[in-house]
Amino acid sequence: MTGRQRDVESAREQALAARARLTGTLAEIQQRLSPGSLAEDAIEHIRSGGIRLASRAVSVAKARPLVTVGLVAAVIGWLFRHSIIGLIDDIISKATATDVVDEGSEDVSVGDDPLYDAHPMRTEGRAAPISKEEVTP
């Protein structure tokens, strides 16, 4: 074999080795970019981030318990805001419905007042509200 033939043979071997390395690299890239592998990587990244976040949250909660209680109360208040508003509205409407009538000797609630019941918004099937003359004996 001459020197030139050896050089060609050596170049051929180097090309085959380079092709084998390139094929291996392409197979590795293809495996890394498969949907299952990407999903596993994402889940692992989220899981590790969630663990770090939870441990930081616990350390902050231990360091500042009043802030934590305030934050939890604010979140609960926001989540139940409609129920809380309805409850407050019910309490206010009951309080205004049981206001004491003048002359302090006897506690009479507005709900017992016939004129209050005769309001046009509270007629409930009556044709017209009751006048003051009809109520007074």
Protein backbone atom coordinates (compact mmCIF):
# COMPACT_ATOMS: atom_id res chain seq x y z
CA MET A 1 0.00 0.00 0.00
CA THR A 2 1.34 3.36 -0.90
CA GLY A 3 1.31 6.49 1.21
CA ARG A 4 -1.55 7.93 -0.76
CA GLN A 5 -3.68 4.80 -0.28
CA ARG A 6 -2.99 4.92 3.45
CA ASP A 7 -4.06 8.56 3.57
CA VAL A 8 -7.30 7.76 1.73
CA GLU A 9 -7.96 4.77 4.02
CA SER A 10 -7.26 6.89 7.12
CA ALA A 11 -9.58 9.64 5.86
CA ARG A 12 -12.27 7.01 5.20
CA GLU A 13 -11.94 5.68 8.77
CA GLN A 14 -12.09 9.20 10.20
CA ALA A 15 -15.21 9.92 8.12
CA LEU A 16 -16.86 6.71 9.34
CA ALA A 17 -16.00 7.59 12.97
CA ALA A 18 -17.35 11.12 12.51
CA ARG A 19 -20.54 9.73 10.94
CA ALA A 20 -20.98 7.33 13.89
CA ARG A 21 -20.52 10.21 16.38
CA LEU A 22 -22.99 12.37 14.44
CA THR A 23 -25.55 9.56 14.32
CA GLY A 24 -25.19 9.05 18.08
CA THR A 25 -25.59 12.79 18.70
CA LEU A 26 -28.69 12.93 16.49
CA ALA A 27 -30.22 9.95 18.31
CA GLU A 28 -29.56 11.65 21.66
CA ILE A 29 -31.11 14.95 20.48
CA GLN A 30 -34.09 13.09 19.07
CA GLN A 31 -34.60 11.30 22.39
CA ARG A 32 -34.32 14.55 24.37
CA LEU A 33 -36.84 16.30 22.14
CA SER A 34 -39.45 13.55 22.26
CA PRO A 35 -42.80 14.69 23.75
CA GLY A 36 -42.58 12.22 26.63
CA SER A 37 -39.10 13.36 27.59
CA LEU A 38 -40.06 17.04 27.37
CA ALA A 39 -43.12 16.41 29.56
CA GLU A 40 -41.03 14.54 32.14
CA ASP A 41 -38.49 17.37 32.23
CA ALA A 42 -41.23 19.97 32.64
CA ILE A 43 -42.91 18.04 35.44
CA GLU A 44 -39.60 17.59 37.25
CA HIS A 45 -38.81 21.30 36.87
CA ILE A 46 -42.24 22.30 38.21
CA ARG A 47 -41.99 19.82 41.06
CA SER A 48 -38.58 21.07 42.17
CA GLY A 49 -39.74 24.69 41.86
CA GLY A 50 -42.87 23.91 43.88
CA ILE A 51 -40.81 22.30 46.61
CA ARG A 52 -38.53 25.34 46.78
CA LEU A 53 -41.53 27.68 46.84
CA ALA A 54 -43.23 25.69 49.61
CA SER A 55 -40.11 25.64 51.76
CA ARG A 56 -39.69 29.41 51.32
CA ALA A 57 -43.35 29.97 52.19
CA VAL A 58 -42.99 27.93 55.37
CA SER A 59 -39.88 29.86 56.42
CA VAL A 60 -41.62 33.20 55.77
CA ALA A 61 -44.72 32.03 57.68
CA LYS A 62 -42.52 31.09 60.65
CA ALA A 63 -40.67 34.39 60.51
CA ARG A 64 -43.80 36.58 60.17
CA PRO A 65 -46.86 34.81 61.54
CA LEU A 66 -49.07 37.94 61.71
CA VAL A 67 -48.48 38.71 58.05
CA THR A 68 -49.33 35.11 57.22
CA VAL A 69 -52.58 35.25 59.21
CA GLY A 70 -53.51 38.52 57.51
CA LEU A 71 -52.79 37.10 54.09
CA VAL A 72 -54.81 33.95 54.76
CA ALA A 73 -57.70 36.05 56.11
CA ALA A 74 -57.60 38.27 53.02
CA VAL A 75 -57.66 35.27 50.68
CA ILE A 76 -60.54 33.65 52.58
CA GLY A 77 -62.41 36.96 52.59
CA TRP A 78 -61.95 37.31 48.85
CA LEU A 79 -63.07 33.74 48.18
CA PHE A 80 -66.21 34.11 50.30
CA ARG A 81 -66.90 37.77 49.49
CA HIS A 82 -70.35 37.14 48.00
CA SER A 83 -71.50 35.12 51.00
CA ILE A 84 -70.09 37.69 53.42
CA ILE A 85 -71.79 40.56 51.58
CA GLY A 86 -75.10 38.66 51.61
CA LEU A 87 -74.75 37.98 55.33
CA ILE A 88 -74.00 41.64 56.07
CA ASP A 89 -76.95 42.68 53.91
CA ASP A 90 -79.24 40.32 55.84
CA ILE A 91 -77.99 41.68 59.17
CA ILE A 92 -78.53 45.27 58.05
CA SER A 93 -82.01 44.55 56.69
CA LYS A 94 -82.99 42.80 59.94
CA ALA A 95 -81.58 45.68 61.98
CA THR A 96 -83.54 48.27 60.01
CA ALA A 97 -86.68 46.12 60.17
CA THR A 98 -86.54 46.03 63.98
CA ASP A 99 -85.86 49.75 64.58
CA VAL A 100 -87.63 51.07 67.66
CA VAL A 101 -90.59 53.42 67.06
CA ASP A 102 -90.60 56.79 68.84
CA GLU A 103 -91.95 57.39 72.36
CA GLY A 104 -89.61 54.93 74.08
CA SER A 105 -92.26 53.47 76.44
CA GLU A 106 -92.90 50.43 74.31
CA ASP A 107 -90.56 48.71 71.90
CA VAL A 108 -92.44 48.19 68.65
CA SER A 109 -90.62 46.96 65.61
CA VAL A 110 -91.19 48.36 62.14
CA GLY A 111 -92.30 44.87 61.10
CA ASP A 112 -95.35 45.23 63.40
CA ASP A 113 -96.32 48.63 61.94
CA PRO A 114 -99.33 48.28 59.57
CA LEU A 115 -98.24 51.32 57.57
CA TYR A 116 -94.86 49.70 57.02
CA ASP A 117 -96.60 46.57 55.75
CA ALA A 118 -98.87 48.69 53.54
CA HIS A 119 -95.96 50.09 51.56
CA PRO A 120 -96.61 49.65 47.80
CA MET A 121 -93.59 47.37 47.54
CA ARG A 122 -95.05 45.07 50.23
CA THR A 123 -98.71 44.81 49.16
CA GLU A 124 -98.46 41.10 48.30
CA GLY A 125 -101.70 40.68 46.39
CA ARG A 126 -103.63 43.64 47.84
CA ALA A 127 -105.02 46.09 45.30
CA ALA A 128 -103.93 49.24 47.15
CA PRO A 129 -102.02 50.10 50.29
CA ILE A 130 -103.91 50.65 53.53
CA SER A 131 -104.42 54.30 54.39
CA LYS A 132 -103.62 55.76 57.80
CA GLU A 133 -107.35 56.26 58.53
CA GLU A 134 -108.09 52.57 57.98
CA VAL A 135 -105.41 51.54 60.47
CA THR A 136 -106.12 54.05 63.28
CA PRO A 137 -108.98 52.92 65.57
